[in-house]
Amino acid sequence: MKLNKKVSMFGKRIPIFVLVGLLVVGLGSAALVTYLSNTINTTVTVVQPFLLEGEQFTLEIEAAGEDGFALVKITNQADVLITADVEIAVNEWTGSWTPLADLSGIDIALTDDINYCFTPDGDLTGVENCEEDYLTWIGNNIDWCDWYSNTDYAEAVFYSPLVVNTDGNSFHSLGGYNANTLTLPGLDFEASETVYGVIYVATDVGLVPGYYQFTVTVVPPTP
């Protein structure tokens, strides 16, 4: 059962995206029980609320059909509420990072329900540190998670057993990509709060193996 009240990262009341840390973990389609063994820690520095440094995470796709998760920690250092878009851009390595022209082999899903872990709420079995054990929490509380994606849910696409469409109403399409970017439009960001989000990346068997970079950006309103 989900709580009646929750922090909303992808709804209308959420702190501004200022990335202060992330964790990336690769997860094979059949590797649910092994996801704790391949965690990469990356620390980034924030200069000011709207300026991000090191806001990218990279997945190495050795064989098309692989997937991966990232935990993003987000803090609003401003003292006012701001409405802005959040964008996730996808680039590929071709000797330099260039926008990925064909995203038909990559699908992205996002959830903010990991914030329950930090409350703390839900089944916390095996969870000692929510930043390190976030996939354990999701595995314990799959029916708590709503996901937002570039497309509708299909088990053949989002093949991780952690990413499901509970009761047919927990997976929501954002309407696709704009060029190489997935946009969450018009979000209200509260002041002086920290929230977390989990990004899931699934790849199709037709995707060319290589390095793919995902960049989170806040786009404030134009003055």
N, C-alpha and C. Protein backbone atom coordinates (compact mmCIF):
# COMPACT_ATOMS: atom_id res chain seq x y z
N MET A 1 0.84 -1.19 0.00
CA MET A 1 0.00 0.00 0.00
C MET A 1 0.87 1.24 0.00
N LYS A 2 0.55 2.20 -0.83
CA LYS A 2 1.33 3.41 -0.91
C LYS A 2 0.82 4.44 0.09
N LEU A 3 1.71 5.29 0.58
CA LEU A 3 1.31 6.33 1.50
C LEU A 3 0.50 7.38 0.77
N ASN A 4 -0.36 8.06 1.51
CA ASN A 4 -1.20 9.08 0.89
C ASN A 4 -0.42 10.34 0.56
N LYS A 5 0.65 10.56 1.31
CA LYS A 5 1.44 11.77 1.11
C LYS A 5 2.85 11.39 0.77
N LYS A 6 3.42 12.03 -0.25
CA LYS A 6 4.81 11.72 -0.60
C LYS A 6 5.48 12.92 -1.23
N VAL A 7 6.81 12.93 -1.16
CA VAL A 7 7.59 13.92 -1.90
C VAL A 7 7.44 13.61 -3.37
N SER A 8 7.18 14.61 -4.20
CA SER A 8 6.98 14.36 -5.62
C SER A 8 8.09 15.00 -6.42
N MET A 9 8.89 14.17 -7.08
CA MET A 9 9.98 14.67 -7.91
C MET A 9 9.50 14.97 -9.31
N PHE A 10 8.51 14.24 -9.77
CA PHE A 10 8.04 14.39 -11.13
C PHE A 10 6.61 14.92 -11.19
N GLY A 11 6.08 15.32 -10.03
CA GLY A 11 4.78 15.96 -10.01
C GLY A 11 4.96 17.46 -10.06
N LYS A 12 4.25 18.18 -9.21
CA LYS A 12 4.28 19.62 -9.29
C LYS A 12 4.97 20.30 -8.12
N ARG A 13 5.46 19.55 -7.12
CA ARG A 13 6.11 20.16 -5.97
C ARG A 13 7.40 19.42 -5.66
N ILE A 14 8.54 19.95 -6.07
CA ILE A 14 9.80 19.24 -5.89
C ILE A 14 10.94 20.22 -5.80
N PRO A 15 12.00 19.90 -5.08
CA PRO A 15 13.17 20.78 -5.04
C PRO A 15 13.87 20.86 -6.38
N ILE A 16 14.61 21.95 -6.59
CA ILE A 16 15.30 22.17 -7.85
C ILE A 16 16.44 21.20 -8.03
N PHE A 17 16.68 20.78 -9.25
CA PHE A 17 17.74 19.82 -9.53
C PHE A 17 19.10 20.50 -9.41
N VAL A 18 19.82 20.19 -8.32
CA VAL A 18 21.23 20.53 -8.23
C VAL A 18 21.93 19.24 -7.85
N LEU A 19 22.61 18.64 -8.78
CA LEU A 19 23.15 17.30 -8.58
C LEU A 19 24.38 17.36 -7.69
N VAL A 20 24.33 16.71 -6.53
CA VAL A 20 25.48 16.71 -5.63
C VAL A 20 26.09 15.33 -5.50
N GLY A 21 25.54 14.34 -6.16
CA GLY A 21 26.13 13.02 -6.11
C GLY A 21 25.31 12.04 -6.89
N LEU A 22 25.94 10.96 -7.35
CA LEU A 22 25.17 9.92 -8.00
C LEU A 22 25.87 8.59 -7.86
N LEU A 23 25.09 7.54 -7.94
CA LEU A 23 25.61 6.19 -7.93
C LEU A 23 25.12 5.51 -9.19
N VAL A 24 25.98 4.77 -9.84
CA VAL A 24 25.61 4.05 -11.04
C VAL A 24 25.85 2.58 -10.82
N VAL A 25 24.90 1.77 -11.24
CA VAL A 25 25.10 0.32 -11.13
C VAL A 25 24.56 -0.35 -12.37
N GLY A 26 25.36 -1.23 -12.97
CA GLY A 26 24.90 -1.98 -14.12
C GLY A 26 24.07 -3.16 -13.66
N LEU A 27 23.05 -3.51 -14.46
CA LEU A 27 22.18 -4.61 -14.09
C LEU A 27 21.77 -5.37 -15.33
N GLY A 28 22.17 -6.63 -15.46
CA GLY A 28 21.75 -7.46 -16.57
C GLY A 28 20.29 -7.84 -16.43
N SER A 29 19.68 -8.26 -17.51
CA SER A 29 18.26 -8.54 -17.48
C SER A 29 17.91 -9.68 -16.56
N ALA A 30 18.85 -10.56 -16.28
CA ALA A 30 18.56 -11.69 -15.41
C ALA A 30 19.39 -11.62 -14.13
N ALA A 31 19.91 -10.43 -13.78
CA ALA A 31 20.89 -10.33 -12.70
C ALA A 31 20.33 -9.64 -11.48
N LEU A 32 19.07 -9.89 -11.13
CA LEU A 32 18.46 -9.23 -10.00
C LEU A 32 19.25 -9.43 -8.72
N VAL A 33 19.77 -10.62 -8.48
CA VAL A 33 20.43 -10.92 -7.21
C VAL A 33 21.88 -10.47 -7.18
N THR A 34 22.39 -9.89 -8.25
CA THR A 34 23.81 -9.52 -8.29
C THR A 34 24.01 -8.02 -8.35
N TYR A 35 22.95 -7.24 -8.20
CA TYR A 35 23.11 -5.82 -8.49
C TYR A 35 23.94 -5.06 -7.46
N LEU A 36 24.21 -5.63 -6.30
CA LEU A 36 24.98 -4.92 -5.29
C LEU A 36 26.48 -5.01 -5.53
N SER A 37 26.94 -5.80 -6.48
CA SER A 37 28.37 -6.06 -6.61
C SER A 37 29.08 -5.11 -7.57
N ASN A 38 28.34 -4.29 -8.31
CA ASN A 38 28.96 -3.48 -9.36
C ASN A 38 28.62 -2.01 -9.23
N THR A 39 28.73 -1.46 -8.01
CA THR A 39 28.37 -0.07 -7.78
C THR A 39 29.58 0.83 -7.99
N ILE A 40 29.39 1.92 -8.72
CA ILE A 40 30.43 2.91 -8.97
C ILE A 40 30.02 4.20 -8.29
N ASN A 41 30.91 4.77 -7.49
CA ASN A 41 30.60 6.00 -6.77
C ASN A 41 31.27 7.19 -7.46
N THR A 42 30.52 8.26 -7.66
CA THR A 42 31.05 9.47 -8.28
C THR A 42 30.64 10.67 -7.45
N THR A 43 31.59 11.53 -7.12
CA THR A 43 31.29 12.75 -6.36
C THR A 43 31.42 13.95 -7.28
N VAL A 44 30.47 14.88 -7.19
CA VAL A 44 30.49 16.06 -8.02
C VAL A 44 30.42 17.29 -7.14
N THR A 45 30.76 18.44 -7.69
CA THR A 45 30.78 19.69 -6.95
C THR A 45 29.74 20.65 -7.49
N VAL A 46 29.00 21.28 -6.59
CA VAL A 46 28.00 22.26 -6.99
C VAL A 46 28.55 23.65 -6.75
N VAL A 47 28.52 24.50 -7.75
CA VAL A 47 29.00 25.86 -7.62
C VAL A 47 27.89 26.77 -7.11
N GLN A 48 26.70 26.67 -7.69
CA GLN A 48 25.55 27.44 -7.28
C GLN A 48 24.31 26.71 -7.77
N PRO A 49 23.10 27.12 -7.34
CA PRO A 49 21.92 26.29 -7.58
C PRO A 49 21.69 25.84 -9.00
N PHE A 50 21.93 26.70 -9.98
CA PHE A 50 21.63 26.32 -11.36
C PHE A 50 22.84 25.86 -12.15
N LEU A 51 24.00 25.81 -11.53
CA LEU A 51 25.19 25.37 -12.23
C LEU A 51 25.57 23.98 -11.74
N LEU A 52 25.68 23.04 -12.69
CA LEU A 52 26.00 21.67 -12.34
C LEU A 52 27.38 21.31 -12.88
N GLU A 53 28.15 20.61 -12.07
CA GLU A 53 29.42 20.07 -12.53
C GLU A 53 29.39 18.56 -12.38
N GLY A 54 29.92 17.85 -13.37
CA GLY A 54 29.93 16.40 -13.30
C GLY A 54 28.55 15.80 -13.27
N GLU A 55 27.61 16.43 -13.95
CA GLU A 55 26.23 15.99 -13.88
C GLU A 55 25.92 14.82 -14.80
N GLN A 56 26.94 14.27 -15.46
CA GLN A 56 26.72 13.13 -16.35
C GLN A 56 27.00 11.81 -15.65
N PHE A 57 26.34 10.77 -16.10
CA PHE A 57 26.78 9.42 -15.79
C PHE A 57 26.86 8.65 -17.10
N THR A 58 27.77 7.71 -17.16
CA THR A 58 28.05 6.98 -18.39
C THR A 58 27.82 5.49 -18.19
N LEU A 59 27.16 4.87 -19.14
CA LEU A 59 26.99 3.42 -19.15
C LEU A 59 27.78 2.84 -20.31
N GLU A 60 28.58 1.83 -20.01
CA GLU A 60 29.29 1.10 -21.06
C GLU A 60 28.42 -0.08 -21.48
N ILE A 61 27.97 -0.06 -22.72
CA ILE A 61 27.16 -1.15 -23.25
C ILE A 61 28.07 -2.08 -24.03
N GLU A 62 28.41 -3.21 -23.42
CA GLU A 62 29.27 -4.18 -24.09
C GLU A 62 28.49 -5.09 -25.03
N ALA A 63 27.24 -5.31 -24.67
CA ALA A 63 26.36 -6.12 -25.51
C ALA A 63 24.98 -5.50 -25.48
N ALA A 64 24.42 -5.22 -26.64
CA ALA A 64 23.11 -4.60 -26.70
C ALA A 64 22.11 -5.44 -25.94
N GLY A 65 21.20 -4.77 -25.23
CA GLY A 65 20.25 -5.46 -24.39
C GLY A 65 20.58 -5.34 -22.91
N GLU A 66 21.73 -4.71 -22.58
CA GLU A 66 22.08 -4.46 -21.19
C GLU A 66 21.27 -3.28 -20.65
N ASP A 67 21.22 -3.17 -19.32
CA ASP A 67 20.53 -2.05 -18.71
C ASP A 67 21.30 -1.57 -17.49
N GLY A 68 20.84 -0.49 -16.87
CA GLY A 68 21.53 0.04 -15.72
C GLY A 68 20.68 1.04 -14.97
N PHE A 69 21.06 1.28 -13.69
CA PHE A 69 20.37 2.22 -12.82
C PHE A 69 21.33 3.30 -12.34
N ALA A 70 20.81 4.49 -12.06
CA ALA A 70 21.58 5.55 -11.41
C ALA A 70 20.73 6.18 -10.32
N LEU A 71 21.34 6.44 -9.16
CA LEU A 71 20.69 7.19 -8.09
C LEU A 71 21.21 8.62 -8.11
N VAL A 72 20.30 9.57 -8.19
CA VAL A 72 20.67 10.98 -8.26
C VAL A 72 20.20 11.68 -7.00
N LYS A 73 21.12 12.39 -6.35
CA LYS A 73 20.80 13.19 -5.16
C LYS A 73 20.70 14.65 -5.56
N ILE A 74 19.60 15.26 -5.20
CA ILE A 74 19.27 16.59 -5.73
C ILE A 74 18.98 17.55 -4.58
N THR A 75 19.65 18.70 -4.58
CA THR A 75 19.45 19.69 -3.53
C THR A 75 19.18 21.06 -4.13
N ASN A 76 18.20 21.73 -3.59
CA ASN A 76 17.91 23.11 -3.97
C ASN A 76 18.60 24.04 -2.99
N GLN A 77 19.58 24.77 -3.46
CA GLN A 77 20.29 25.70 -2.59
C GLN A 77 19.73 27.11 -2.67
N ALA A 78 18.73 27.32 -3.51
CA ALA A 78 18.07 28.62 -3.56
C ALA A 78 17.07 28.73 -2.42
N ASP A 79 16.66 29.95 -2.11
CA ASP A 79 15.70 30.16 -1.02
C ASP A 79 14.33 30.55 -1.54
N VAL A 80 14.08 30.24 -2.82
CA VAL A 80 12.77 30.54 -3.41
C VAL A 80 12.32 29.35 -4.25
N LEU A 81 11.03 29.24 -4.44
CA LEU A 81 10.47 28.24 -5.36
C LEU A 81 10.68 28.70 -6.79
N ILE A 82 11.12 27.78 -7.65
CA ILE A 82 11.37 28.10 -9.06
C ILE A 82 10.72 27.03 -9.92
N THR A 83 10.06 27.46 -10.99
CA THR A 83 9.50 26.52 -11.96
C THR A 83 10.48 26.36 -13.12
N ALA A 84 10.81 25.12 -13.47
CA ALA A 84 11.79 24.87 -14.52
C ALA A 84 11.53 23.50 -15.13
N ASP A 85 12.13 23.29 -16.30
CA ASP A 85 12.12 21.97 -16.93
C ASP A 85 13.36 21.21 -16.51
N VAL A 86 13.22 19.89 -16.44
CA VAL A 86 14.38 19.02 -16.21
C VAL A 86 14.58 18.19 -17.47
N GLU A 87 15.80 18.18 -17.97
CA GLU A 87 16.11 17.47 -19.21
C GLU A 87 17.18 16.41 -18.96
N ILE A 88 17.03 15.27 -19.63
CA ILE A 88 18.05 14.22 -19.64
C ILE A 88 18.47 14.02 -21.09
N ALA A 89 19.68 14.43 -21.42
CA ALA A 89 20.19 14.32 -22.78
C ALA A 89 21.06 13.07 -22.91
N VAL A 90 20.98 12.42 -24.06
CA VAL A 90 21.74 11.20 -24.31
C VAL A 90 22.78 11.46 -25.39
N ASN A 91 24.04 11.15 -25.08
CA ASN A 91 25.14 11.32 -26.03
C ASN A 91 25.86 9.99 -26.22
N GLU A 92 26.57 9.89 -27.34
CA GLU A 92 27.38 8.69 -27.60
C GLU A 92 28.82 9.10 -27.83
N TRP A 93 29.74 8.18 -27.55
CA TRP A 93 31.16 8.44 -27.74
C TRP A 93 31.58 8.02 -29.13
N THR A 94 32.02 8.99 -29.92
CA THR A 94 32.49 8.73 -31.28
C THR A 94 33.86 9.36 -31.49
N GLY A 95 34.68 9.36 -30.43
CA GLY A 95 35.93 10.11 -30.41
C GLY A 95 35.76 11.38 -29.61
N SER A 96 34.52 11.83 -29.49
CA SER A 96 34.09 12.90 -28.60
C SER A 96 32.62 12.65 -28.31
N TRP A 97 32.10 13.32 -27.28
CA TRP A 97 30.69 13.13 -26.95
C TRP A 97 29.82 13.92 -27.92
N THR A 98 28.94 13.21 -28.61
CA THR A 98 28.05 13.85 -29.59
C THR A 98 26.62 13.40 -29.31
N PRO A 99 25.62 14.26 -29.61
CA PRO A 99 24.23 13.87 -29.38
C PRO A 99 23.89 12.59 -30.14
N LEU A 100 23.21 11.69 -29.46
CA LEU A 100 22.81 10.44 -30.09
C LEU A 100 21.65 10.72 -31.05
N ALA A 101 21.87 10.46 -32.32
CA ALA A 101 20.88 10.80 -33.34
C ALA A 101 19.68 9.86 -33.33
N ASP A 102 19.92 8.60 -33.04
CA ASP A 102 18.86 7.60 -33.08
C ASP A 102 18.71 6.98 -31.69
N LEU A 103 17.63 7.36 -31.00
CA LEU A 103 17.39 6.85 -29.65
C LEU A 103 16.45 5.66 -29.64
N SER A 104 16.22 5.06 -30.77
CA SER A 104 15.27 3.94 -30.82
C SER A 104 15.75 2.73 -30.02
N GLY A 105 17.06 2.68 -29.70
CA GLY A 105 17.59 1.56 -28.93
C GLY A 105 17.74 1.85 -27.45
N ILE A 106 17.31 3.04 -26.99
CA ILE A 106 17.46 3.42 -25.58
C ILE A 106 16.13 3.90 -25.04
N ASP A 107 15.74 3.37 -23.89
CA ASP A 107 14.54 3.84 -23.19
C ASP A 107 14.91 4.18 -21.75
N ILE A 108 14.28 5.23 -21.23
CA ILE A 108 14.60 5.75 -19.91
C ILE A 108 13.33 5.77 -19.05
N ALA A 109 13.45 5.36 -17.81
CA ALA A 109 12.36 5.48 -16.84
C ALA A 109 12.91 6.07 -15.55
N LEU A 110 12.09 6.86 -14.88
CA LEU A 110 12.53 7.55 -13.68
C LEU A 110 11.48 7.40 -12.58
N THR A 111 11.95 7.30 -11.33
CA THR A 111 11.03 7.29 -10.19
C THR A 111 11.62 8.12 -9.06
N ASP A 112 10.74 8.78 -8.30
CA ASP A 112 11.17 9.52 -7.12
C ASP A 112 10.74 8.83 -5.82
N ASP A 113 10.11 7.68 -5.94
CA ASP A 113 9.58 7.02 -4.75
C ASP A 113 10.66 6.45 -3.85
N ILE A 114 11.92 6.49 -4.30
CA ILE A 114 13.02 6.11 -3.44
C ILE A 114 13.11 7.03 -2.22
N ASN A 115 12.48 8.21 -2.31
CA ASN A 115 12.49 9.12 -1.16
C ASN A 115 11.85 8.50 0.07
N TYR A 116 10.94 7.53 -0.11
CA TYR A 116 10.37 6.84 1.04
C TYR A 116 11.45 6.15 1.86
N CYS A 117 12.50 5.67 1.20
CA CYS A 117 13.58 4.98 1.91
C CYS A 117 14.23 5.90 2.92
N PHE A 118 14.36 7.18 2.55
CA PHE A 118 15.05 8.14 3.39
C PHE A 118 14.16 8.70 4.50
N THR A 119 12.85 8.38 4.48
CA THR A 119 11.93 8.94 5.46
C THR A 119 12.16 8.46 6.88
N PRO A 120 12.35 7.18 7.23
CA PRO A 120 12.29 6.01 6.35
C PRO A 120 10.92 5.34 6.42
N ASP A 121 10.50 4.77 5.29
CA ASP A 121 9.24 4.05 5.20
C ASP A 121 9.43 2.83 4.31
N GLY A 122 8.45 1.96 4.32
CA GLY A 122 8.50 0.77 3.49
C GLY A 122 9.26 -0.37 4.14
N ASP A 123 9.45 -1.43 3.37
CA ASP A 123 10.18 -2.60 3.83
C ASP A 123 11.67 -2.32 3.69
N LEU A 124 12.36 -2.19 4.81
CA LEU A 124 13.78 -1.81 4.83
C LEU A 124 14.68 -3.03 5.05
N THR A 125 14.16 -4.22 4.82
CA THR A 125 14.97 -5.43 4.98
C THR A 125 16.21 -5.37 4.09
N GLY A 126 17.38 -5.53 4.69
CA GLY A 126 18.62 -5.51 3.93
C GLY A 126 19.13 -4.13 3.56
N VAL A 127 18.44 -3.08 4.03
CA VAL A 127 18.83 -1.70 3.70
C VAL A 127 19.53 -1.08 4.90
N GLU A 128 20.82 -0.80 4.76
CA GLU A 128 21.57 -0.12 5.81
C GLU A 128 21.81 1.34 5.46
N ASN A 129 21.99 1.62 4.19
CA ASN A 129 22.24 2.97 3.71
C ASN A 129 21.45 3.15 2.41
N CYS A 130 20.47 4.05 2.40
CA CYS A 130 19.59 4.17 1.23
C CYS A 130 20.34 4.60 -0.03
N GLU A 131 21.44 5.35 0.13
CA GLU A 131 22.20 5.76 -1.04
C GLU A 131 22.94 4.58 -1.67
N GLU A 132 23.30 3.61 -0.87
CA GLU A 132 24.00 2.44 -1.38
C GLU A 132 23.05 1.28 -1.69
N ASP A 133 21.96 1.18 -0.92
CA ASP A 133 21.07 0.03 -1.01
C ASP A 133 19.73 0.38 -1.65
N TYR A 134 19.74 1.38 -2.53
CA TYR A 134 18.47 1.85 -3.10
C TYR A 134 17.78 0.78 -3.94
N LEU A 135 18.55 -0.07 -4.61
CA LEU A 135 17.91 -1.13 -5.41
C LEU A 135 17.32 -2.21 -4.52
N THR A 136 17.93 -2.44 -3.37
CA THR A 136 17.34 -3.37 -2.42
C THR A 136 15.98 -2.85 -1.96
N TRP A 137 15.91 -1.53 -1.66
CA TRP A 137 14.64 -0.95 -1.22
C TRP A 137 13.58 -1.08 -2.32
N ILE A 138 13.96 -0.78 -3.56
CA ILE A 138 12.99 -0.90 -4.66
C ILE A 138 12.52 -2.34 -4.79
N GLY A 139 13.45 -3.29 -4.68
CA GLY A 139 13.07 -4.69 -4.76
C GLY A 139 12.10 -5.11 -3.67
N ASN A 140 12.25 -4.51 -2.48
CA ASN A 140 11.34 -4.80 -1.37
C ASN A 140 9.99 -4.12 -1.51
N ASN A 141 9.94 -3.05 -2.30
CA ASN A 141 8.75 -2.19 -2.34
C ASN A 141 8.36 -1.87 -3.79
N ILE A 142 8.36 -2.86 -4.65
CA ILE A 142 8.11 -2.64 -6.07
C ILE A 142 6.79 -1.94 -6.32
N ASP A 143 5.75 -2.29 -5.53
CA ASP A 143 4.43 -1.72 -5.78
C ASP A 143 4.29 -0.31 -5.23
N TRP A 144 5.36 0.26 -4.66
CA TRP A 144 5.35 1.65 -4.20
C TRP A 144 5.80 2.60 -5.32
N CYS A 145 6.40 2.08 -6.36
CA CYS A 145 7.13 2.92 -7.32
C CYS A 145 6.29 3.26 -8.55
N ASP A 146 6.13 4.55 -8.79
CA ASP A 146 5.61 5.06 -10.06
C ASP A 146 6.80 5.45 -10.93
N TRP A 147 6.70 5.16 -12.22
CA TRP A 147 7.78 5.43 -13.16
C TRP A 147 7.31 6.38 -14.25
N TYR A 148 8.21 7.26 -14.71
CA TYR A 148 7.94 8.22 -15.78
C TYR A 148 8.95 7.96 -16.89
N SER A 149 8.48 7.88 -18.12
CA SER A 149 9.32 7.36 -19.20
C SER A 149 9.07 8.08 -20.50
N ASN A 150 9.95 7.80 -21.47
CA ASN A 150 9.77 8.32 -22.82
C ASN A 150 8.68 7.58 -23.58
N THR A 151 8.22 6.46 -23.05
CA THR A 151 7.27 5.63 -23.79
C THR A 151 6.36 4.88 -22.83
N ASP A 152 5.37 4.20 -23.37
CA ASP A 152 4.49 3.39 -22.55
C ASP A 152 5.22 2.13 -22.07
N TYR A 153 4.67 1.52 -21.04
CA TYR A 153 5.29 0.33 -20.48
C TYR A 153 5.11 -0.88 -21.38
N ALA A 154 6.20 -1.62 -21.53
CA ALA A 154 6.15 -2.94 -22.17
C ALA A 154 7.22 -3.78 -21.49
N GLU A 155 6.84 -4.96 -21.02
CA GLU A 155 7.79 -5.81 -20.31
C GLU A 155 8.98 -6.18 -21.18
N ALA A 156 8.76 -6.29 -22.49
CA ALA A 156 9.85 -6.64 -23.40
C ALA A 156 10.87 -5.52 -23.52
N VAL A 157 10.47 -4.30 -23.19
CA VAL A 157 11.36 -3.14 -23.25
C VAL A 157 12.01 -2.89 -21.89
N PHE A 158 11.19 -2.80 -20.87
CA PHE A 158 11.67 -2.53 -19.51
C PHE A 158 11.75 -3.86 -18.78
N TYR A 159 12.81 -4.61 -19.09
CA TYR A 159 12.87 -6.00 -18.69
C TYR A 159 13.44 -6.21 -17.29
N SER A 160 13.88 -5.15 -16.61
CA SER A 160 14.31 -5.34 -15.24
C SER A 160 13.11 -5.74 -14.38
N PRO A 161 13.27 -6.73 -13.50
CA PRO A 161 12.18 -7.10 -12.61
C PRO A 161 11.88 -6.03 -11.56
N LEU A 162 12.71 -4.98 -11.48
CA LEU A 162 12.46 -3.89 -10.55
C LEU A 162 11.58 -2.80 -11.14
N VAL A 163 11.41 -2.80 -12.46
CA VAL A 163 10.64 -1.75 -13.14
C VAL A 163 9.38 -2.39 -13.72
N VAL A 164 8.25 -2.15 -13.05
CA VAL A 164 7.01 -2.79 -13.46
C VAL A 164 5.88 -1.76 -13.49
N ASN A 165 4.79 -2.13 -14.13
CA ASN A 165 3.59 -1.29 -14.19
C ASN A 165 2.55 -1.90 -13.26
N THR A 166 2.64 -1.55 -11.98
CA THR A 166 1.79 -2.16 -10.96
C THR A 166 0.32 -1.82 -11.19
N ASP A 167 -0.51 -2.84 -11.26
CA ASP A 167 -1.96 -2.69 -11.47
C ASP A 167 -2.29 -1.92 -12.74
N GLY A 168 -1.32 -1.82 -13.65
CA GLY A 168 -1.55 -1.15 -14.92
C GLY A 168 -1.64 0.35 -14.86
N ASN A 169 -1.26 0.96 -13.71
CA ASN A 169 -1.39 2.42 -13.59
C ASN A 169 -0.23 3.09 -12.88
N SER A 170 0.95 2.46 -12.86
CA SER A 170 2.10 3.06 -12.17
C SER A 170 3.22 3.45 -13.13
N PHE A 171 2.94 3.40 -14.43
CA PHE A 171 3.95 3.71 -15.44
C PHE A 171 3.35 4.76 -16.38
N HIS A 172 4.06 5.89 -16.56
CA HIS A 172 3.49 7.04 -17.24
C HIS A 172 4.41 7.52 -18.36
N SER A 173 3.89 7.68 -19.55
CA SER A 173 4.67 8.16 -20.69
C SER A 173 4.73 9.68 -20.70
N LEU A 174 5.92 10.22 -20.96
CA LEU A 174 6.12 11.66 -21.12
C LEU A 174 6.01 12.09 -22.58
N GLY A 175 5.72 11.16 -23.47
CA GLY A 175 5.47 11.52 -24.86
C GLY A 175 6.65 11.42 -25.79
N GLY A 176 7.74 10.81 -25.36
CA GLY A 176 8.88 10.61 -26.26
C GLY A 176 9.98 11.63 -26.07
N TYR A 177 11.00 11.50 -26.92
CA TYR A 177 12.16 12.38 -26.87
C TYR A 177 11.97 13.59 -27.79
N ASN A 178 12.66 14.66 -27.46
CA ASN A 178 12.82 15.80 -28.36
C ASN A 178 14.29 15.81 -28.77
N ALA A 179 14.56 15.42 -30.02
CA ALA A 179 15.94 15.19 -30.47
C ALA A 179 16.55 14.12 -29.56
N ASN A 180 17.64 14.43 -28.85
CA ASN A 180 18.29 13.42 -28.00
C ASN A 180 17.95 13.60 -26.53
N THR A 181 16.82 14.29 -26.23
CA THR A 181 16.54 14.72 -24.86
C THR A 181 15.15 14.29 -24.40
N LEU A 182 15.08 13.80 -23.16
CA LEU A 182 13.81 13.53 -22.49
C LEU A 182 13.55 14.69 -21.53
N THR A 183 12.36 15.30 -21.63
CA THR A 183 12.05 16.49 -20.86
C THR A 183 10.89 16.25 -19.90
N LEU A 184 11.10 16.67 -18.66
CA LEU A 184 10.03 16.73 -17.68
C LEU A 184 9.67 18.20 -17.53
N PRO A 185 8.55 18.65 -18.08
CA PRO A 185 8.29 20.08 -18.20
C PRO A 185 7.60 20.70 -16.98
N GLY A 186 7.90 21.99 -16.76
CA GLY A 186 7.15 22.83 -15.84
C GLY A 186 7.06 22.33 -14.42
N LEU A 187 8.18 21.91 -13.84
CA LEU A 187 8.17 21.43 -12.46
C LEU A 187 8.42 22.58 -11.49
N ASP A 188 7.71 22.57 -10.37
CA ASP A 188 7.91 23.55 -9.31
C ASP A 188 8.92 22.99 -8.32
N PHE A 189 9.96 23.72 -8.05
CA PHE A 189 11.02 23.27 -7.16
C PHE A 189 11.01 24.07 -5.86
N GLU A 190 10.81 23.38 -4.76
CA GLU A 190 10.81 24.03 -3.46
C GLU A 190 12.23 24.42 -3.03
N ALA A 191 12.31 25.35 -2.11
CA ALA A 191 13.60 25.83 -1.63
C ALA A 191 14.13 24.95 -0.51
N SER A 192 15.45 24.83 -0.47
CA SER A 192 16.18 24.27 0.69
C SER A 192 15.76 22.85 1.04
N GLU A 193 15.57 22.01 0.03
CA GLU A 193 15.24 20.61 0.27
C GLU A 193 16.15 19.71 -0.56
N THR A 194 16.26 18.47 -0.13
CA THR A 194 17.00 17.45 -0.87
C THR A 194 16.07 16.30 -1.18
N VAL A 195 16.08 15.85 -2.43
CA VAL A 195 15.32 14.66 -2.82
C VAL A 195 16.23 13.75 -3.64
N TYR A 196 15.75 12.55 -3.86
CA TYR A 196 16.49 11.56 -4.63
C TYR A 196 15.62 11.06 -5.77
N GLY A 197 16.27 10.67 -6.86
CA GLY A 197 15.58 10.05 -7.97
C GLY A 197 16.39 8.89 -8.52
N VAL A 198 15.69 7.88 -9.01
CA VAL A 198 16.35 6.74 -9.64
C VAL A 198 16.06 6.76 -11.13
N ILE A 199 17.11 6.69 -11.93
CA ILE A 199 17.00 6.65 -13.39
C ILE A 199 17.34 5.23 -13.85
N TYR A 200 16.47 4.66 -14.66
CA TYR A 200 16.70 3.34 -15.24
C TYR A 200 16.86 3.49 -16.75
N VAL A 201 17.89 2.87 -17.29
CA VAL A 201 18.16 2.90 -18.73
C VAL A 201 18.11 1.48 -19.26
N ALA A 202 17.26 1.24 -20.25
CA ALA A 202 17.17 -0.06 -20.92
C ALA A 202 17.62 0.09 -22.36
N THR A 203 18.33 -0.91 -22.87
CA THR A 203 18.80 -0.85 -24.25
C THR A 203 18.23 -2.00 -25.06
N ASP A 204 18.00 -1.73 -26.32
CA ASP A 204 17.46 -2.71 -27.24
C ASP A 204 18.60 -3.50 -27.87
N VAL A 205 18.29 -4.71 -28.32
CA VAL A 205 19.32 -5.56 -28.90
C VAL A 205 19.91 -4.96 -30.18
N GLY A 206 19.23 -3.98 -30.77
CA GLY A 206 19.75 -3.36 -31.98
C GLY A 206 20.73 -2.23 -31.73
N LEU A 207 20.93 -1.84 -30.45
CA LEU A 207 21.83 -0.73 -30.13
C LEU A 207 23.28 -1.14 -30.34
N VAL A 208 24.05 -0.26 -30.96
CA VAL A 208 25.47 -0.53 -31.19
C VAL A 208 26.22 -0.46 -29.86
N PRO A 209 26.98 -1.48 -29.48
CA PRO A 209 27.75 -1.43 -28.22
C PRO A 209 28.68 -0.23 -28.20
N GLY A 210 28.87 0.35 -27.02
CA GLY A 210 29.74 1.51 -26.89
C GLY A 210 29.46 2.23 -25.59
N TYR A 211 29.93 3.47 -25.51
CA TYR A 211 29.74 4.30 -24.32
C TYR A 211 28.64 5.31 -24.58
N TYR A 212 27.71 5.40 -23.62
CA TYR A 212 26.58 6.32 -23.73
C TYR A 212 26.51 7.16 -22.46
N GLN A 213 26.37 8.46 -22.67
CA GLN A 213 26.41 9.42 -21.58
C GLN A 213 25.02 10.04 -21.40
N PHE A 214 24.62 10.19 -20.13
CA PHE A 214 23.32 10.76 -19.80
C PHE A 214 23.54 11.98 -18.94
N THR A 215 23.05 13.13 -19.38
CA THR A 215 23.30 14.39 -18.72
C THR A 215 22.00 15.00 -18.21
N VAL A 216 21.94 15.27 -16.90
CA VAL A 216 20.76 15.90 -16.30
C VAL A 216 20.98 17.39 -16.22
N THR A 217 20.01 18.16 -16.72
CA THR A 217 20.13 19.62 -16.76
C THR A 217 18.82 20.25 -16.29
N VAL A 218 18.93 21.36 -15.54
CA VAL A 218 17.77 22.16 -15.19
C VAL A 218 17.70 23.34 -16.13
N VAL A 219 16.54 23.55 -16.73
CA VAL A 219 16.35 24.66 -17.67
C VAL A 219 15.37 25.63 -17.05
N PRO A 220 15.85 26.73 -16.46
CA PRO A 220 14.95 27.69 -15.81
C PRO A 220 14.19 28.50 -16.84
N PRO A 221 13.13 29.18 -16.43
CA PRO A 221 12.37 30.00 -17.37
C PRO A 221 13.20 31.14 -17.92
N THR A 222 12.93 31.53 -19.15
CA THR A 222 13.64 32.64 -19.76
C THR A 222 13.11 33.95 -19.17
N PRO A 223 14.01 34.83 -18.71
CA PRO A 223 13.56 36.10 -18.11
C PRO A 223 12.75 36.92 -19.10
